[in-house]
N, C-alpha and C. Protein backbone atom coordinates (compact mmCIF):
# COMPACT_ATOMS: atom_id res chain seq x y z
N MET A 1 -101.60 14.71 32.01
CA MET A 1 -102.93 15.20 31.72
C MET A 1 -103.80 14.99 32.94
N LEU A 2 -104.57 15.96 33.28
CA LEU A 2 -105.53 15.90 34.37
C LEU A 2 -106.93 15.84 33.77
N HIS A 3 -107.69 14.82 34.14
CA HIS A 3 -109.06 14.66 33.65
C HIS A 3 -110.01 14.78 34.83
N ALA A 4 -110.72 15.90 34.92
CA ALA A 4 -111.69 16.10 35.99
C ALA A 4 -113.05 15.58 35.53
N PHE A 5 -113.68 14.80 36.40
CA PHE A 5 -114.95 14.18 36.03
C PHE A 5 -115.83 14.00 37.27
N GLN A 6 -117.10 13.70 36.99
CA GLN A 6 -118.05 13.26 38.01
C GLN A 6 -118.72 12.00 37.48
N MET A 7 -119.07 11.10 38.36
CA MET A 7 -119.70 9.84 37.95
C MET A 7 -121.05 10.07 37.27
N LEU A 8 -121.78 11.09 37.66
CA LEU A 8 -123.11 11.33 37.12
C LEU A 8 -123.12 12.33 35.96
N CYS A 9 -121.97 12.65 35.42
CA CYS A 9 -121.85 13.58 34.30
C CYS A 9 -121.92 12.79 32.99
N PRO A 10 -122.98 12.99 32.19
CA PRO A 10 -123.11 12.23 30.93
C PRO A 10 -121.92 12.39 29.99
N GLY A 11 -121.39 13.61 29.86
CA GLY A 11 -120.24 13.83 28.98
C GLY A 11 -118.99 13.14 29.47
N CYS A 12 -118.86 13.02 30.78
CA CYS A 12 -117.71 12.31 31.36
C CYS A 12 -117.80 10.83 31.08
N VAL A 13 -118.97 10.26 31.32
CA VAL A 13 -119.18 8.82 31.16
C VAL A 13 -119.09 8.42 29.69
N ALA A 14 -119.68 9.21 28.81
CA ALA A 14 -119.73 8.85 27.40
C ALA A 14 -118.43 9.12 26.65
N HIS A 15 -117.70 10.17 27.04
CA HIS A 15 -116.54 10.55 26.24
C HIS A 15 -115.27 10.80 27.06
N GLY A 16 -115.34 11.71 28.01
CA GLY A 16 -114.14 12.17 28.69
C GLY A 16 -113.37 11.10 29.44
N THR A 17 -114.06 10.32 30.27
CA THR A 17 -113.37 9.31 31.06
C THR A 17 -112.84 8.17 30.19
N PRO A 18 -113.61 7.65 29.22
CA PRO A 18 -113.02 6.64 28.32
C PRO A 18 -111.80 7.18 27.55
N GLN A 19 -111.85 8.44 27.15
CA GLN A 19 -110.72 9.05 26.44
C GLN A 19 -109.49 9.10 27.34
N ALA A 20 -109.68 9.53 28.59
CA ALA A 20 -108.56 9.60 29.53
C ALA A 20 -107.99 8.21 29.80
N GLU A 21 -108.85 7.23 29.96
CA GLU A 21 -108.40 5.85 30.20
C GLU A 21 -107.61 5.33 29.00
N LYS A 22 -108.08 5.61 27.80
CA LYS A 22 -107.38 5.16 26.60
C LYS A 22 -105.99 5.79 26.51
N LEU A 23 -105.90 7.09 26.79
CA LEU A 23 -104.60 7.77 26.76
C LEU A 23 -103.68 7.18 27.83
N HIS A 24 -104.22 6.92 29.01
CA HIS A 24 -103.44 6.32 30.09
C HIS A 24 -102.87 4.97 29.64
N ARG A 25 -103.71 4.13 29.06
CA ARG A 25 -103.26 2.80 28.64
C ARG A 25 -102.23 2.88 27.51
N MET A 26 -102.37 3.87 26.63
CA MET A 26 -101.42 4.03 25.52
C MET A 26 -100.02 4.35 26.03
N PHE A 27 -99.92 5.11 27.11
CA PHE A 27 -98.62 5.61 27.56
C PHE A 27 -98.13 4.98 28.87
N THR A 28 -98.83 4.00 29.40
CA THR A 28 -98.43 3.38 30.66
C THR A 28 -97.01 2.82 30.60
N LYS A 29 -96.70 2.09 29.56
CA LYS A 29 -95.38 1.44 29.46
C LYS A 29 -94.26 2.44 29.21
N SER A 30 -94.49 3.42 28.36
CA SER A 30 -93.42 4.36 28.01
C SER A 30 -93.17 5.38 29.12
N GLY A 31 -94.19 5.73 29.86
CA GLY A 31 -94.02 6.73 30.91
C GLY A 31 -93.91 8.16 30.39
N ASP A 32 -94.11 8.36 29.08
CA ASP A 32 -94.00 9.70 28.50
C ASP A 32 -95.14 10.61 28.91
N VAL A 33 -96.29 10.02 29.23
CA VAL A 33 -97.47 10.80 29.60
C VAL A 33 -98.06 10.18 30.85
N VAL A 34 -98.42 11.02 31.79
CA VAL A 34 -99.11 10.57 32.99
C VAL A 34 -100.51 11.14 32.94
N VAL A 35 -101.50 10.29 33.10
CA VAL A 35 -102.89 10.71 33.11
C VAL A 35 -103.44 10.47 34.51
N ILE A 36 -104.00 11.51 35.08
CA ILE A 36 -104.58 11.42 36.42
C ILE A 36 -106.05 11.82 36.33
N GLY A 37 -106.91 10.96 36.84
CA GLY A 37 -108.32 11.29 36.95
C GLY A 37 -108.55 12.07 38.24
N LEU A 38 -109.48 12.98 38.21
CA LEU A 38 -109.83 13.76 39.40
C LEU A 38 -111.34 13.76 39.54
N HIS A 39 -111.82 13.01 40.52
CA HIS A 39 -113.26 13.00 40.78
C HIS A 39 -113.56 14.27 41.56
N SER A 40 -114.18 15.21 40.88
CA SER A 40 -114.40 16.55 41.42
C SER A 40 -115.90 16.80 41.56
N VAL A 41 -116.42 16.64 42.76
CA VAL A 41 -117.85 16.70 43.02
C VAL A 41 -118.29 18.10 43.41
N PHE A 42 -119.17 18.68 42.59
CA PHE A 42 -119.71 20.00 42.92
C PHE A 42 -121.23 19.99 42.96
N GLU A 43 -121.82 18.81 42.80
CA GLU A 43 -123.27 18.65 42.91
C GLU A 43 -123.57 17.20 43.27
N HIS A 44 -124.77 16.91 43.73
CA HIS A 44 -125.20 15.55 44.09
C HIS A 44 -124.24 14.90 45.09
N HIS A 45 -123.82 15.66 46.10
CA HIS A 45 -122.84 15.16 47.06
C HIS A 45 -123.25 13.87 47.75
N ALA A 46 -124.53 13.70 48.06
CA ALA A 46 -124.99 12.50 48.78
C ALA A 46 -124.80 11.23 47.95
N ALA A 47 -124.87 11.34 46.64
CA ALA A 47 -124.74 10.17 45.77
C ALA A 47 -123.28 9.86 45.42
N MET A 48 -122.39 10.80 45.64
CA MET A 48 -121.00 10.67 45.20
C MET A 48 -120.09 10.18 46.33
N THR A 49 -120.37 9.01 46.86
CA THR A 49 -119.59 8.48 47.97
C THR A 49 -118.37 7.71 47.46
N GLU A 50 -117.47 7.37 48.40
CA GLU A 50 -116.30 6.57 48.03
C GLU A 50 -116.72 5.20 47.50
N VAL A 51 -117.73 4.61 48.12
CA VAL A 51 -118.21 3.30 47.69
C VAL A 51 -118.77 3.39 46.27
N ALA A 52 -119.50 4.44 45.99
CA ALA A 52 -120.04 4.63 44.63
C ALA A 52 -118.90 4.80 43.63
N LEU A 53 -117.87 5.55 44.00
CA LEU A 53 -116.73 5.75 43.10
C LEU A 53 -116.01 4.42 42.86
N GLU A 54 -115.83 3.63 43.89
CA GLU A 54 -115.19 2.31 43.72
C GLU A 54 -115.99 1.45 42.75
N ALA A 55 -117.31 1.46 42.87
CA ALA A 55 -118.15 0.69 41.95
C ALA A 55 -118.04 1.22 40.53
N PHE A 56 -118.00 2.54 40.37
CA PHE A 56 -117.85 3.17 39.06
C PHE A 56 -116.53 2.75 38.42
N VAL A 57 -115.45 2.81 39.18
CA VAL A 57 -114.12 2.44 38.68
C VAL A 57 -114.13 0.97 38.24
N HIS A 58 -114.74 0.12 39.04
CA HIS A 58 -114.82 -1.31 38.69
C HIS A 58 -115.68 -1.52 37.44
N GLU A 59 -116.84 -0.90 37.42
CA GLU A 59 -117.79 -1.08 36.30
C GLU A 59 -117.18 -0.66 34.97
N TYR A 60 -116.45 0.46 34.97
CA TYR A 60 -115.88 0.98 33.73
C TYR A 60 -114.44 0.52 33.51
N ARG A 61 -113.96 -0.36 34.37
CA ARG A 61 -112.63 -0.97 34.25
C ARG A 61 -111.52 0.08 34.12
N LEU A 62 -111.59 1.08 34.97
CA LEU A 62 -110.61 2.16 34.92
C LEU A 62 -109.33 1.73 35.63
N THR A 63 -108.20 2.02 34.98
CA THR A 63 -106.90 1.69 35.56
C THR A 63 -106.06 2.94 35.84
N LEU A 64 -106.49 4.10 35.34
CA LEU A 64 -105.73 5.31 35.59
C LEU A 64 -105.85 5.68 37.07
N PRO A 65 -104.83 6.30 37.64
CA PRO A 65 -104.95 6.72 39.03
C PRO A 65 -106.03 7.80 39.15
N ILE A 66 -106.83 7.72 40.21
CA ILE A 66 -107.91 8.68 40.41
C ILE A 66 -107.80 9.29 41.79
N ALA A 67 -107.72 10.60 41.82
CA ALA A 67 -107.73 11.35 43.08
C ALA A 67 -109.14 11.86 43.32
N VAL A 68 -109.44 12.15 44.56
CA VAL A 68 -110.73 12.73 44.91
C VAL A 68 -110.49 14.15 45.37
N ASP A 69 -111.11 15.09 44.68
CA ASP A 69 -110.95 16.51 45.00
C ASP A 69 -111.46 16.80 46.40
N ARG A 70 -110.78 17.67 47.10
CA ARG A 70 -111.21 18.08 48.43
C ARG A 70 -112.42 19.00 48.33
N PRO A 71 -113.37 18.86 49.26
CA PRO A 71 -114.54 19.75 49.23
C PRO A 71 -114.12 21.21 49.35
N GLY A 72 -114.95 22.07 48.79
CA GLY A 72 -114.68 23.50 48.87
C GLY A 72 -114.74 23.99 50.30
N GLU A 73 -113.91 24.97 50.60
CA GLU A 73 -113.87 25.53 51.95
C GLU A 73 -115.01 26.50 52.19
N ASP A 74 -115.49 27.12 51.12
CA ASP A 74 -116.52 28.15 51.29
C ASP A 74 -117.64 28.03 50.27
N GLY A 75 -117.97 26.80 49.90
CA GLY A 75 -119.04 26.60 48.94
C GLY A 75 -118.95 25.24 48.28
N PRO A 76 -119.77 25.03 47.26
CA PRO A 76 -119.84 23.69 46.65
C PRO A 76 -118.68 23.37 45.70
N ILE A 77 -117.90 24.35 45.28
CA ILE A 77 -116.83 24.10 44.31
C ILE A 77 -115.61 23.51 45.02
N PRO A 78 -115.19 22.29 44.62
CA PRO A 78 -114.04 21.64 45.26
C PRO A 78 -112.75 22.45 45.07
N GLN A 79 -111.79 22.19 45.94
CA GLN A 79 -110.56 23.00 46.00
C GLN A 79 -109.74 22.97 44.72
N THR A 80 -109.47 21.80 44.16
CA THR A 80 -108.65 21.73 42.95
C THR A 80 -109.39 22.32 41.76
N MET A 81 -110.69 22.06 41.71
CA MET A 81 -111.51 22.63 40.63
C MET A 81 -111.42 24.16 40.67
N ARG A 82 -111.51 24.74 41.86
CA ARG A 82 -111.41 26.20 42.00
C ARG A 82 -110.00 26.70 41.63
N ARG A 83 -108.98 26.00 42.13
CA ARG A 83 -107.60 26.43 41.90
C ARG A 83 -107.25 26.45 40.41
N TYR A 84 -107.74 25.47 39.66
CA TYR A 84 -107.46 25.41 38.22
C TYR A 84 -108.46 26.21 37.39
N GLY A 85 -109.44 26.82 38.02
CA GLY A 85 -110.41 27.63 37.29
C GLY A 85 -111.31 26.81 36.38
N MET A 86 -111.67 25.60 36.81
CA MET A 86 -112.54 24.75 36.00
C MET A 86 -113.97 25.27 36.06
N ARG A 87 -114.66 25.13 34.94
CA ARG A 87 -116.05 25.58 34.85
C ARG A 87 -117.03 24.44 35.06
N GLY A 88 -116.58 23.22 35.08
CA GLY A 88 -117.44 22.06 35.25
C GLY A 88 -116.72 20.81 34.78
N THR A 89 -117.50 19.77 34.53
CA THR A 89 -116.92 18.51 34.07
C THR A 89 -117.60 18.09 32.78
N PRO A 90 -116.89 17.39 31.91
CA PRO A 90 -115.49 17.03 32.02
C PRO A 90 -114.58 18.23 31.70
N THR A 91 -113.43 18.22 32.33
CA THR A 91 -112.39 19.20 32.02
C THR A 91 -111.09 18.43 31.78
N THR A 92 -110.41 18.79 30.72
CA THR A 92 -109.12 18.21 30.38
C THR A 92 -108.06 19.29 30.49
N ILE A 93 -107.04 19.03 31.30
CA ILE A 93 -105.94 19.98 31.46
C ILE A 93 -104.64 19.26 31.11
N VAL A 94 -103.93 19.78 30.13
CA VAL A 94 -102.65 19.21 29.72
C VAL A 94 -101.55 20.11 30.27
N ILE A 95 -100.64 19.51 31.02
CA ILE A 95 -99.55 20.23 31.68
C ILE A 95 -98.24 19.67 31.16
N ASP A 96 -97.32 20.55 30.77
CA ASP A 96 -96.05 20.05 30.24
C ASP A 96 -95.08 19.66 31.36
N ARG A 97 -93.91 19.21 30.98
CA ARG A 97 -92.92 18.74 31.95
C ARG A 97 -92.43 19.83 32.89
N GLN A 98 -92.55 21.07 32.48
CA GLN A 98 -92.12 22.18 33.33
C GLN A 98 -93.25 22.69 34.23
N GLY A 99 -94.41 22.08 34.15
CA GLY A 99 -95.54 22.50 34.98
C GLY A 99 -96.38 23.60 34.39
N VAL A 100 -96.22 23.87 33.10
CA VAL A 100 -96.98 24.91 32.42
C VAL A 100 -98.25 24.29 31.82
N VAL A 101 -99.39 24.91 32.11
CA VAL A 101 -100.65 24.45 31.53
C VAL A 101 -100.64 24.79 30.05
N ARG A 102 -100.73 23.76 29.19
CA ARG A 102 -100.68 23.95 27.75
C ARG A 102 -102.06 23.94 27.11
N GLU A 103 -103.01 23.27 27.76
CA GLU A 103 -104.37 23.20 27.23
C GLU A 103 -105.31 23.05 28.42
N HIS A 104 -106.44 23.75 28.35
CA HIS A 104 -107.44 23.72 29.41
C HIS A 104 -108.80 23.75 28.72
N VAL A 105 -109.46 22.59 28.66
CA VAL A 105 -110.69 22.47 27.89
C VAL A 105 -111.84 22.01 28.78
N PHE A 106 -112.91 22.78 28.78
CA PHE A 106 -114.14 22.38 29.45
C PHE A 106 -115.03 21.73 28.40
N GLY A 107 -115.54 20.55 28.70
CA GLY A 107 -116.38 19.83 27.74
C GLY A 107 -115.56 18.84 26.95
N GLN A 108 -116.14 18.37 25.88
CA GLN A 108 -115.53 17.34 25.07
C GLN A 108 -114.41 17.91 24.22
N ILE A 109 -113.28 17.22 24.21
CA ILE A 109 -112.19 17.55 23.30
C ILE A 109 -112.04 16.38 22.33
N ASP A 110 -111.92 16.69 21.07
CA ASP A 110 -111.79 15.69 20.02
C ASP A 110 -110.54 14.84 20.26
N ASP A 111 -110.65 13.53 20.02
CA ASP A 111 -109.53 12.61 20.21
C ASP A 111 -108.30 13.04 19.41
N LEU A 112 -108.51 13.39 18.16
CA LEU A 112 -107.39 13.77 17.31
C LEU A 112 -106.74 15.06 17.80
N ALA A 113 -107.55 16.02 18.21
CA ALA A 113 -107.00 17.29 18.72
C ALA A 113 -106.17 17.04 19.98
N LEU A 114 -106.68 16.21 20.88
CA LEU A 114 -105.92 15.89 22.10
C LEU A 114 -104.64 15.14 21.74
N GLY A 115 -104.72 14.24 20.77
CA GLY A 115 -103.54 13.50 20.33
C GLY A 115 -102.45 14.41 19.78
N VAL A 116 -102.87 15.42 19.03
CA VAL A 116 -101.89 16.37 18.48
C VAL A 116 -101.21 17.15 19.61
N ILE A 117 -101.99 17.60 20.56
CA ILE A 117 -101.44 18.37 21.70
C ILE A 117 -100.46 17.51 22.48
N VAL A 118 -100.89 16.32 22.88
CA VAL A 118 -100.03 15.44 23.67
C VAL A 118 -98.82 15.01 22.86
N GLY A 119 -99.03 14.62 21.62
CA GLY A 119 -97.91 14.20 20.77
C GLY A 119 -96.86 15.27 20.58
N SER A 120 -97.30 16.51 20.42
CA SER A 120 -96.33 17.60 20.23
C SER A 120 -95.51 17.82 21.49
N LEU A 121 -96.11 17.61 22.66
CA LEU A 121 -95.36 17.77 23.91
C LEU A 121 -94.42 16.60 24.16
N VAL A 122 -94.84 15.40 23.80
CA VAL A 122 -94.01 14.22 24.00
C VAL A 122 -92.77 14.28 23.11
N THR A 123 -92.94 14.76 21.89
CA THR A 123 -91.81 14.79 20.95
C THR A 123 -90.99 16.07 21.01
N ALA A 124 -91.48 17.08 21.71
CA ALA A 124 -90.75 18.35 21.81
C ALA A 124 -89.51 18.17 22.67
N PRO A 125 -88.42 18.83 22.27
CA PRO A 125 -87.23 18.77 23.12
C PRO A 125 -87.51 19.46 24.45
N THR A 126 -86.92 18.95 25.50
CA THR A 126 -87.09 19.57 26.81
C THR A 126 -86.36 20.90 26.82
N ILE A 127 -87.06 21.95 27.19
CA ILE A 127 -86.45 23.28 27.25
C ILE A 127 -86.50 23.78 28.67
N MET A 128 -85.65 24.71 28.98
CA MET A 128 -85.65 25.30 30.31
C MET A 128 -86.89 26.16 30.46
N SER A 129 -87.54 26.04 31.58
CA SER A 129 -88.72 26.84 31.87
C SER A 129 -88.30 28.20 32.38
N MET A 130 -88.94 29.22 31.88
CA MET A 130 -88.66 30.58 32.35
C MET A 130 -89.81 31.01 33.23
N ASP A 131 -89.51 31.44 34.45
CA ASP A 131 -90.55 31.97 35.31
C ASP A 131 -90.89 33.37 34.84
N CYS A 132 -92.16 33.60 34.58
CA CYS A 132 -92.56 34.92 34.13
C CYS A 132 -92.98 35.75 35.33
N GLU A 133 -92.89 37.04 35.15
CA GLU A 133 -93.35 37.94 36.20
C GLU A 133 -94.85 37.80 36.32
N GLU A 134 -95.36 38.19 37.47
CA GLU A 134 -96.81 38.15 37.67
C GLU A 134 -97.46 39.07 36.64
N THR A 135 -98.28 38.45 35.80
CA THR A 135 -99.05 39.21 34.83
C THR A 135 -100.50 38.90 35.07
N ALA A 136 -101.36 39.52 34.34
CA ALA A 136 -102.79 39.22 34.49
C ALA A 136 -103.00 37.74 34.27
N GLY A 137 -103.39 37.02 35.32
CA GLY A 137 -103.63 35.59 35.19
C GLY A 137 -102.37 34.75 35.28
N GLY A 138 -101.17 35.35 35.40
CA GLY A 138 -99.94 34.58 35.47
C GLY A 138 -99.64 33.83 34.18
N CYS A 139 -100.11 34.34 33.05
CA CYS A 139 -99.98 33.62 31.79
C CYS A 139 -99.03 34.31 30.82
N GLU A 140 -98.50 33.51 29.93
CA GLU A 140 -97.73 34.00 28.81
C GLU A 140 -98.19 33.24 27.59
N ASP A 141 -97.63 33.53 26.43
CA ASP A 141 -98.10 32.90 25.19
C ASP A 141 -98.03 31.38 25.21
N THR A 142 -97.08 30.83 25.95
CA THR A 142 -96.88 29.39 25.94
C THR A 142 -97.72 28.64 26.97
N GLY A 143 -98.38 29.33 27.88
CA GLY A 143 -99.21 28.66 28.86
C GLY A 143 -99.36 29.47 30.13
N CYS A 144 -100.06 28.91 31.09
CA CYS A 144 -100.32 29.57 32.36
C CYS A 144 -99.77 28.72 33.49
N ARG A 145 -98.93 29.31 34.29
CA ARG A 145 -98.32 28.61 35.41
C ARG A 145 -99.17 28.82 36.66
N LEU A 146 -99.41 27.72 37.37
CA LEU A 146 -100.16 27.81 38.62
C LEU A 146 -99.27 28.40 39.70
N PRO A 147 -99.84 29.12 40.64
CA PRO A 147 -99.02 29.65 41.73
C PRO A 147 -98.47 28.53 42.59
N GLU A 148 -97.27 28.72 43.10
CA GLU A 148 -96.66 27.73 43.99
C GLU A 148 -97.39 27.74 45.32
N THR A 149 -97.68 26.54 45.82
CA THR A 149 -98.30 26.42 47.13
C THR A 149 -97.61 25.31 47.89
N SER A 150 -97.78 25.31 49.17
CA SER A 150 -97.11 24.28 49.99
C SER A 150 -97.88 22.98 50.02
N ASP A 151 -99.13 22.94 49.51
CA ASP A 151 -99.92 21.71 49.59
C ASP A 151 -99.90 20.88 48.33
N ARG A 152 -98.95 21.13 47.40
CA ARG A 152 -98.86 20.30 46.19
C ARG A 152 -97.71 19.36 46.33
């Protein structure tokens, strides 16, 4: 699961980031689910420094791994945020073992709803992934595959 957040986002602080941390702690030992935080800054750049992020991580006792999104090449939208088509923060993206995006939610996602999604993927038998032909958006009924790039 990828959890995109900003330190100054009320929805991230109140719900999204604690939810991601809880999911991370639930699955740390089993390894069935990997949760990655993504600090994706698209506003208030001067306040969103590495030092501020370190203080935020300490203050909220976060243990999930956190990446910092690269700044946008041609505007304020960071690179990963643009690549995944995020509309803002918090954003929750659930990706299955084959790399298929199974859920992409902007805003708050209910704990139970997220649990059902993650639980169904954890208990599902591993199936062979089929590469679909390029369609509108690169999507099929089961999810949307990101284009292959050399920087992942």
